[in-house]
Amino acid sequence: MSQDETPSDLTKIIVGFEYHWAEIGAETFWAKALGNNRYELRNVPFYAYGLNFGDVVVATKEGEDEFPVIERVDRPSGHRTFRIVPAEDVGTEALLSAIESLEELGVGVERANATLMALDLPPEVDEDAVFDRLE
């Protein structure tokens, strides 16, 4: 979600079983409704593969009280998603410094919890520079 968006501007959609890890029941996303069952993903996936920030997906509701379920990617955004799990011996200060360093490169960073982070690399971000910073 960009800094100028709020949850009231967006809707929740959910990923189908074929896209996520078996031990995770489901993953929901904030998305911008575009009409005709099309949505633009507005956050970085933690578990779903094949989906990225900014992708336009087709999703339909099965029931009135349910989230629309992602069926397929309609238009890829060109963004890439990487997941990292910091080593246990990395201190909070070092981790925050690393996150700041990545953000300086234009990488979006979302944290699921203390042990899982998802990185959003827009098309213009140099992947090699990101890997160098992570080392």
N, C-alpha and C. Protein backbone atom coordinates (compact mmCIF):
# COMPACT_ATOMS: atom_id res chain seq x y z
N MET A 1 0.85 -1.16 0.00
CA MET A 1 0.00 0.00 0.00
C MET A 1 0.91 1.23 0.00
N SER A 2 0.66 2.16 -0.88
CA SER A 2 1.48 3.36 -0.92
C SER A 2 1.11 4.27 0.25
N GLN A 3 1.98 5.22 0.54
CA GLN A 3 1.77 6.09 1.69
C GLN A 3 0.52 6.95 1.56
N ASP A 4 0.09 7.25 0.33
CA ASP A 4 -1.09 8.09 0.16
C ASP A 4 -2.40 7.30 0.08
N GLU A 5 -2.33 5.97 0.19
CA GLU A 5 -3.52 5.14 0.19
C GLU A 5 -3.90 4.76 1.61
N THR A 6 -5.17 4.57 1.83
CA THR A 6 -5.65 4.10 3.12
C THR A 6 -6.48 2.85 2.87
N PRO A 7 -6.67 2.03 3.91
CA PRO A 7 -7.50 0.83 3.73
C PRO A 7 -8.90 1.13 3.20
N SER A 8 -9.42 2.33 3.47
CA SER A 8 -10.77 2.64 2.97
C SER A 8 -10.77 2.83 1.45
N ASP A 9 -9.60 3.07 0.85
CA ASP A 9 -9.49 3.20 -0.61
C ASP A 9 -9.38 1.84 -1.30
N LEU A 10 -9.14 0.80 -0.51
CA LEU A 10 -8.81 -0.51 -1.06
C LEU A 10 -9.78 -1.57 -0.58
N THR A 11 -9.67 -2.74 -1.17
CA THR A 11 -10.49 -3.88 -0.76
C THR A 11 -9.56 -5.06 -0.49
N LYS A 12 -10.05 -6.06 0.22
CA LYS A 12 -9.27 -7.27 0.47
C LYS A 12 -9.64 -8.32 -0.56
N ILE A 13 -8.61 -9.00 -1.08
CA ILE A 13 -8.82 -10.16 -1.94
C ILE A 13 -7.95 -11.28 -1.36
N ILE A 14 -8.20 -12.49 -1.81
CA ILE A 14 -7.52 -13.65 -1.22
C ILE A 14 -6.89 -14.50 -2.32
N VAL A 15 -5.79 -15.13 -2.00
CA VAL A 15 -5.09 -15.97 -2.96
C VAL A 15 -5.66 -17.38 -2.91
N GLY A 16 -5.72 -18.03 -4.07
CA GLY A 16 -6.20 -19.40 -4.15
C GLY A 16 -5.15 -20.40 -3.69
N PHE A 17 -5.55 -21.60 -3.40
CA PHE A 17 -4.66 -22.63 -2.86
C PHE A 17 -3.47 -22.93 -3.75
N GLU A 18 -3.60 -22.82 -5.03
CA GLU A 18 -2.51 -23.19 -5.92
C GLU A 18 -1.32 -22.25 -5.83
N TYR A 19 -1.46 -21.10 -5.16
CA TYR A 19 -0.39 -20.11 -5.12
C TYR A 19 0.39 -20.07 -3.81
N HIS A 20 -0.03 -20.75 -2.76
CA HIS A 20 0.63 -20.53 -1.48
C HIS A 20 1.16 -21.80 -0.84
N TRP A 21 1.97 -21.61 0.17
CA TRP A 21 2.59 -22.72 0.89
C TRP A 21 1.51 -23.57 1.54
N ALA A 22 1.71 -24.86 1.55
CA ALA A 22 0.71 -25.80 2.05
C ALA A 22 0.34 -25.54 3.51
N GLU A 23 1.31 -25.12 4.33
CA GLU A 23 1.02 -24.93 5.76
C GLU A 23 0.29 -23.61 6.06
N ILE A 24 0.12 -22.76 5.06
CA ILE A 24 -0.59 -21.50 5.24
C ILE A 24 -1.99 -21.67 4.63
N GLY A 25 -3.01 -21.38 5.41
CA GLY A 25 -4.38 -21.57 4.94
C GLY A 25 -4.77 -20.66 3.79
N ALA A 26 -4.30 -19.39 3.82
CA ALA A 26 -4.64 -18.43 2.78
C ALA A 26 -3.80 -17.19 2.99
N GLU A 27 -3.72 -16.36 1.98
CA GLU A 27 -3.06 -15.06 2.11
C GLU A 27 -3.97 -14.02 1.50
N THR A 28 -4.22 -12.96 2.25
CA THR A 28 -5.04 -11.87 1.74
C THR A 28 -4.16 -10.70 1.33
N PHE A 29 -4.67 -9.90 0.42
CA PHE A 29 -3.97 -8.74 -0.10
C PHE A 29 -4.87 -7.53 -0.07
N TRP A 30 -4.26 -6.37 0.13
CA TRP A 30 -4.96 -5.13 -0.16
C TRP A 30 -4.89 -4.96 -1.66
N ALA A 31 -5.99 -4.52 -2.26
CA ALA A 31 -6.02 -4.36 -3.71
C ALA A 31 -6.92 -3.19 -4.09
N LYS A 32 -6.58 -2.57 -5.20
CA LYS A 32 -7.38 -1.49 -5.75
C LYS A 32 -8.32 -2.09 -6.78
N ALA A 33 -9.62 -1.91 -6.58
CA ALA A 33 -10.61 -2.43 -7.53
C ALA A 33 -10.56 -1.61 -8.81
N LEU A 34 -10.44 -2.30 -9.95
CA LEU A 34 -10.37 -1.63 -11.25
C LEU A 34 -11.63 -1.84 -12.08
N GLY A 35 -12.52 -2.69 -11.61
CA GLY A 35 -13.73 -3.02 -12.36
C GLY A 35 -13.56 -4.30 -13.16
N ASN A 36 -14.66 -4.89 -13.56
CA ASN A 36 -14.65 -6.13 -14.35
C ASN A 36 -13.84 -7.24 -13.70
N ASN A 37 -13.96 -7.39 -12.37
CA ASN A 37 -13.25 -8.43 -11.60
C ASN A 37 -11.74 -8.30 -11.67
N ARG A 38 -11.24 -7.11 -11.95
CA ARG A 38 -9.80 -6.87 -12.01
C ARG A 38 -9.38 -6.03 -10.81
N TYR A 39 -8.22 -6.38 -10.23
CA TYR A 39 -7.71 -5.72 -9.04
C TYR A 39 -6.20 -5.54 -9.19
N GLU A 40 -5.71 -4.42 -8.66
CA GLU A 40 -4.27 -4.18 -8.64
C GLU A 40 -3.76 -4.43 -7.22
N LEU A 41 -2.80 -5.35 -7.08
CA LEU A 41 -2.26 -5.68 -5.77
C LEU A 41 -1.50 -4.49 -5.20
N ARG A 42 -1.78 -4.16 -3.94
CA ARG A 42 -1.18 -2.98 -3.33
C ARG A 42 -0.33 -3.31 -2.11
N ASN A 43 0.01 -4.58 -1.92
CA ASN A 43 1.01 -4.94 -0.93
C ASN A 43 1.83 -6.11 -1.44
N VAL A 44 2.92 -6.38 -0.74
CA VAL A 44 3.89 -7.39 -1.17
C VAL A 44 3.49 -8.74 -0.58
N PRO A 45 3.44 -9.79 -1.39
CA PRO A 45 3.09 -11.11 -0.86
C PRO A 45 4.19 -11.66 0.05
N PHE A 46 3.78 -12.31 1.12
CA PHE A 46 4.74 -12.99 1.99
C PHE A 46 4.86 -14.46 1.60
N TYR A 47 3.77 -15.07 1.19
CA TYR A 47 3.76 -16.52 0.94
C TYR A 47 3.42 -16.88 -0.50
N ALA A 48 2.64 -16.08 -1.18
CA ALA A 48 2.18 -16.41 -2.53
C ALA A 48 3.28 -16.19 -3.56
N TYR A 49 3.55 -17.19 -4.33
CA TYR A 49 4.51 -17.08 -5.42
C TYR A 49 3.78 -16.77 -6.71
N GLY A 50 4.46 -16.10 -7.64
CA GLY A 50 3.85 -15.76 -8.91
C GLY A 50 3.00 -14.50 -8.86
N LEU A 51 2.99 -13.83 -7.70
CA LEU A 51 2.26 -12.57 -7.53
C LEU A 51 3.24 -11.53 -7.00
N ASN A 52 3.05 -10.27 -7.44
CA ASN A 52 3.94 -9.19 -7.03
C ASN A 52 3.16 -7.90 -6.85
N PHE A 53 3.73 -6.99 -6.09
CA PHE A 53 3.14 -5.67 -5.90
C PHE A 53 2.84 -5.06 -7.26
N GLY A 54 1.65 -4.50 -7.42
CA GLY A 54 1.27 -3.82 -8.66
C GLY A 54 0.71 -4.70 -9.75
N ASP A 55 0.81 -6.03 -9.61
CA ASP A 55 0.20 -6.91 -10.60
C ASP A 55 -1.31 -6.67 -10.66
N VAL A 56 -1.87 -6.75 -11.84
CA VAL A 56 -3.32 -6.70 -11.99
C VAL A 56 -3.78 -8.14 -12.12
N VAL A 57 -4.71 -8.52 -11.24
CA VAL A 57 -5.20 -9.89 -11.21
C VAL A 57 -6.70 -9.91 -11.48
N VAL A 58 -7.18 -11.07 -11.90
CA VAL A 58 -8.61 -11.32 -12.02
C VAL A 58 -9.02 -12.11 -10.79
N ALA A 59 -10.04 -11.63 -10.08
CA ALA A 59 -10.52 -12.30 -8.87
C ALA A 59 -12.03 -12.19 -8.82
N THR A 60 -12.68 -13.28 -8.44
CA THR A 60 -14.14 -13.28 -8.36
C THR A 60 -14.60 -13.77 -7.00
N LYS A 61 -15.76 -13.27 -6.59
CA LYS A 61 -16.38 -13.67 -5.32
C LYS A 61 -17.18 -14.94 -5.54
N GLU A 62 -17.04 -15.85 -4.59
CA GLU A 62 -17.86 -17.06 -4.64
C GLU A 62 -19.15 -16.88 -3.86
N GLY A 63 -19.09 -16.07 -2.80
CA GLY A 63 -20.26 -15.76 -1.99
C GLY A 63 -20.26 -14.29 -1.64
N GLU A 64 -21.41 -13.75 -1.31
CA GLU A 64 -21.54 -12.31 -1.05
C GLU A 64 -20.67 -11.83 0.09
N ASP A 65 -20.48 -12.66 1.13
CA ASP A 65 -19.71 -12.26 2.30
C ASP A 65 -18.25 -12.70 2.24
N GLU A 66 -17.79 -13.13 1.10
CA GLU A 66 -16.42 -13.64 0.97
C GLU A 66 -15.56 -12.66 0.19
N PHE A 67 -14.24 -12.76 0.40
CA PHE A 67 -13.30 -11.96 -0.39
C PHE A 67 -13.24 -12.52 -1.80
N PRO A 68 -13.01 -11.66 -2.80
CA PRO A 68 -12.76 -12.19 -4.15
C PRO A 68 -11.51 -13.07 -4.14
N VAL A 69 -11.56 -14.17 -4.89
CA VAL A 69 -10.47 -15.14 -4.95
C VAL A 69 -9.69 -14.92 -6.25
N ILE A 70 -8.37 -14.79 -6.11
CA ILE A 70 -7.51 -14.58 -7.28
C ILE A 70 -7.53 -15.82 -8.16
N GLU A 71 -7.82 -15.61 -9.44
CA GLU A 71 -7.83 -16.69 -10.42
C GLU A 71 -6.57 -16.70 -11.27
N ARG A 72 -6.09 -15.50 -11.64
CA ARG A 72 -4.92 -15.43 -12.51
C ARG A 72 -4.39 -14.00 -12.55
N VAL A 73 -3.14 -13.89 -13.00
CA VAL A 73 -2.55 -12.57 -13.23
C VAL A 73 -2.98 -12.12 -14.63
N ASP A 74 -3.56 -10.92 -14.70
CA ASP A 74 -4.00 -10.37 -15.97
C ASP A 74 -2.89 -9.52 -16.62
N ARG A 75 -2.17 -8.77 -15.77
CA ARG A 75 -1.09 -7.92 -16.28
C ARG A 75 0.02 -7.84 -15.23
N PRO A 76 1.18 -8.44 -15.49
CA PRO A 76 2.28 -8.36 -14.54
C PRO A 76 2.80 -6.92 -14.44
N SER A 77 3.22 -6.54 -13.25
CA SER A 77 3.71 -5.19 -13.02
C SER A 77 5.17 -5.01 -13.36
N GLY A 78 5.92 -6.10 -13.42
CA GLY A 78 7.36 -6.00 -13.61
C GLY A 78 8.12 -5.97 -12.29
N HIS A 79 7.38 -5.86 -11.17
CA HIS A 79 8.02 -5.91 -9.85
C HIS A 79 8.44 -7.35 -9.56
N ARG A 80 9.43 -7.48 -8.67
CA ARG A 80 9.87 -8.80 -8.22
C ARG A 80 9.76 -8.85 -6.70
N THR A 81 9.49 -10.03 -6.18
CA THR A 81 9.34 -10.22 -4.73
C THR A 81 10.41 -11.19 -4.24
N PHE A 82 11.09 -10.78 -3.18
CA PHE A 82 12.06 -11.64 -2.51
C PHE A 82 11.68 -11.72 -1.05
N ARG A 83 11.88 -12.88 -0.48
CA ARG A 83 11.61 -13.07 0.94
C ARG A 83 12.93 -13.33 1.64
N ILE A 84 13.09 -12.72 2.80
CA ILE A 84 14.31 -12.97 3.57
C ILE A 84 13.93 -13.26 5.01
N VAL A 85 14.72 -14.14 5.60
CA VAL A 85 14.60 -14.47 7.01
C VAL A 85 15.95 -14.13 7.63
N PRO A 86 16.02 -13.06 8.42
CA PRO A 86 17.31 -12.66 8.99
C PRO A 86 17.88 -13.76 9.89
N ALA A 87 19.20 -13.86 9.90
CA ALA A 87 19.87 -14.80 10.79
C ALA A 87 19.53 -14.45 12.24
N GLU A 88 19.47 -15.46 13.08
CA GLU A 88 19.09 -15.26 14.48
C GLU A 88 20.04 -14.32 15.22
N ASP A 89 21.30 -14.28 14.79
CA ASP A 89 22.27 -13.45 15.51
C ASP A 89 22.32 -12.00 15.02
N VAL A 90 21.44 -11.64 14.08
CA VAL A 90 21.39 -10.26 13.62
C VAL A 90 20.58 -9.45 14.63
N GLY A 91 21.22 -8.45 15.18
CA GLY A 91 20.55 -7.61 16.17
C GLY A 91 19.54 -6.67 15.55
N THR A 92 18.68 -6.11 16.37
CA THR A 92 17.63 -5.20 15.90
C THR A 92 18.22 -3.99 15.19
N GLU A 93 19.27 -3.42 15.76
CA GLU A 93 19.90 -2.23 15.17
C GLU A 93 20.46 -2.55 13.78
N ALA A 94 21.13 -3.68 13.64
CA ALA A 94 21.69 -4.08 12.34
C ALA A 94 20.58 -4.34 11.33
N LEU A 95 19.50 -4.94 11.79
CA LEU A 95 18.38 -5.23 10.89
C LEU A 95 17.73 -3.94 10.41
N LEU A 96 17.51 -3.00 11.32
CA LEU A 96 16.91 -1.71 10.94
C LEU A 96 17.82 -0.95 9.98
N SER A 97 19.13 -1.04 10.19
CA SER A 97 20.09 -0.40 9.30
C SER A 97 20.03 -1.03 7.91
N ALA A 98 19.92 -2.36 7.85
CA ALA A 98 19.83 -3.06 6.57
C ALA A 98 18.55 -2.67 5.83
N ILE A 99 17.45 -2.58 6.55
CA ILE A 99 16.17 -2.19 5.93
C ILE A 99 16.28 -0.78 5.36
N GLU A 100 16.85 0.13 6.13
CA GLU A 100 17.02 1.51 5.66
C GLU A 100 17.89 1.55 4.41
N SER A 101 18.95 0.74 4.39
CA SER A 101 19.85 0.67 3.25
C SER A 101 19.11 0.18 2.00
N LEU A 102 18.25 -0.82 2.17
CA LEU A 102 17.47 -1.34 1.04
C LEU A 102 16.48 -0.30 0.54
N GLU A 103 15.83 0.40 1.47
CA GLU A 103 14.86 1.42 1.08
C GLU A 103 15.54 2.55 0.29
N GLU A 104 16.80 2.85 0.62
CA GLU A 104 17.55 3.86 -0.12
C GLU A 104 17.74 3.46 -1.58
N LEU A 105 17.76 2.16 -1.86
CA LEU A 105 17.89 1.66 -3.23
C LEU A 105 16.55 1.67 -3.97
N GLY A 106 15.45 1.96 -3.28
CA GLY A 106 14.13 1.94 -3.89
C GLY A 106 13.36 0.66 -3.64
N VAL A 107 13.86 -0.17 -2.73
CA VAL A 107 13.21 -1.43 -2.39
C VAL A 107 12.12 -1.16 -1.35
N GLY A 108 10.93 -1.73 -1.56
CA GLY A 108 9.88 -1.69 -0.56
C GLY A 108 10.07 -2.86 0.38
N VAL A 109 9.94 -2.61 1.68
CA VAL A 109 10.15 -3.65 2.67
C VAL A 109 8.90 -3.78 3.53
N GLU A 110 8.37 -4.99 3.62
CA GLU A 110 7.24 -5.27 4.51
C GLU A 110 7.65 -6.40 5.43
N ARG A 111 7.29 -6.26 6.70
CA ARG A 111 7.63 -7.29 7.69
C ARG A 111 6.37 -8.00 8.13
N ALA A 112 6.39 -9.33 8.02
CA ALA A 112 5.27 -10.14 8.51
C ALA A 112 5.39 -10.28 10.02
N ASN A 113 6.63 -10.45 10.48
CA ASN A 113 6.93 -10.62 11.90
C ASN A 113 8.44 -10.43 12.06
N ALA A 114 8.98 -10.80 13.20
CA ALA A 114 10.41 -10.60 13.44
C ALA A 114 11.29 -11.51 12.58
N THR A 115 10.71 -12.56 12.01
CA THR A 115 11.53 -13.52 11.27
C THR A 115 11.26 -13.60 9.78
N LEU A 116 10.32 -12.84 9.24
CA LEU A 116 10.02 -12.91 7.82
C LEU A 116 9.78 -11.52 7.26
N MET A 117 10.54 -11.20 6.20
CA MET A 117 10.35 -9.94 5.50
C MET A 117 10.16 -10.21 4.02
N ALA A 118 9.33 -9.40 3.39
CA ALA A 118 9.13 -9.48 1.95
C ALA A 118 9.67 -8.20 1.33
N LEU A 119 10.45 -8.36 0.28
CA LEU A 119 11.05 -7.22 -0.40
C LEU A 119 10.38 -7.04 -1.76
N ASP A 120 10.00 -5.80 -2.06
CA ASP A 120 9.44 -5.45 -3.36
C ASP A 120 10.50 -4.72 -4.16
N LEU A 121 10.93 -5.32 -5.27
CA LEU A 121 11.90 -4.68 -6.15
C LEU A 121 11.19 -4.18 -7.39
N PRO A 122 10.98 -2.85 -7.49
CA PRO A 122 10.40 -2.29 -8.70
C PRO A 122 11.32 -2.58 -9.90
N PRO A 123 10.81 -2.49 -11.12
CA PRO A 123 11.60 -2.85 -12.30
C PRO A 123 12.92 -2.09 -12.42
N GLU A 124 12.97 -0.86 -11.92
CA GLU A 124 14.17 -0.05 -12.08
C GLU A 124 15.26 -0.32 -11.03
N VAL A 125 14.96 -1.15 -10.03
CA VAL A 125 15.93 -1.44 -8.98
C VAL A 125 16.92 -2.50 -9.44
N ASP A 126 18.20 -2.26 -9.18
CA ASP A 126 19.27 -3.18 -9.55
C ASP A 126 19.31 -4.34 -8.57
N GLU A 127 18.96 -5.51 -9.04
CA GLU A 127 18.91 -6.71 -8.20
C GLU A 127 20.28 -7.03 -7.58
N ASP A 128 21.35 -6.86 -8.34
CA ASP A 128 22.69 -7.14 -7.83
C ASP A 128 23.05 -6.23 -6.66
N ALA A 129 22.67 -4.94 -6.76
CA ALA A 129 22.94 -4.01 -5.68
C ALA A 129 22.20 -4.41 -4.41
N VAL A 130 20.98 -4.94 -4.57
CA VAL A 130 20.20 -5.41 -3.41
C VAL A 130 20.91 -6.58 -2.76
N PHE A 131 21.34 -7.55 -3.56
CA PHE A 131 22.03 -8.71 -3.01
C PHE A 131 23.33 -8.32 -2.31
N ASP A 132 24.05 -7.35 -2.89
CA ASP A 132 25.27 -6.86 -2.25
C ASP A 132 24.98 -6.28 -0.87
N ARG A 133 23.92 -5.52 -0.76
CA ARG A 133 23.56 -4.92 0.53
C ARG A 133 23.13 -6.00 1.54
N LEU A 134 22.46 -7.02 1.06
CA LEU A 134 22.01 -8.08 1.97
C LEU A 134 23.17 -8.88 2.52
N GLU A 135 24.22 -9.02 1.76
CA GLU A 135 25.38 -9.77 2.25
C GLU A 135 26.02 -9.04 3.39
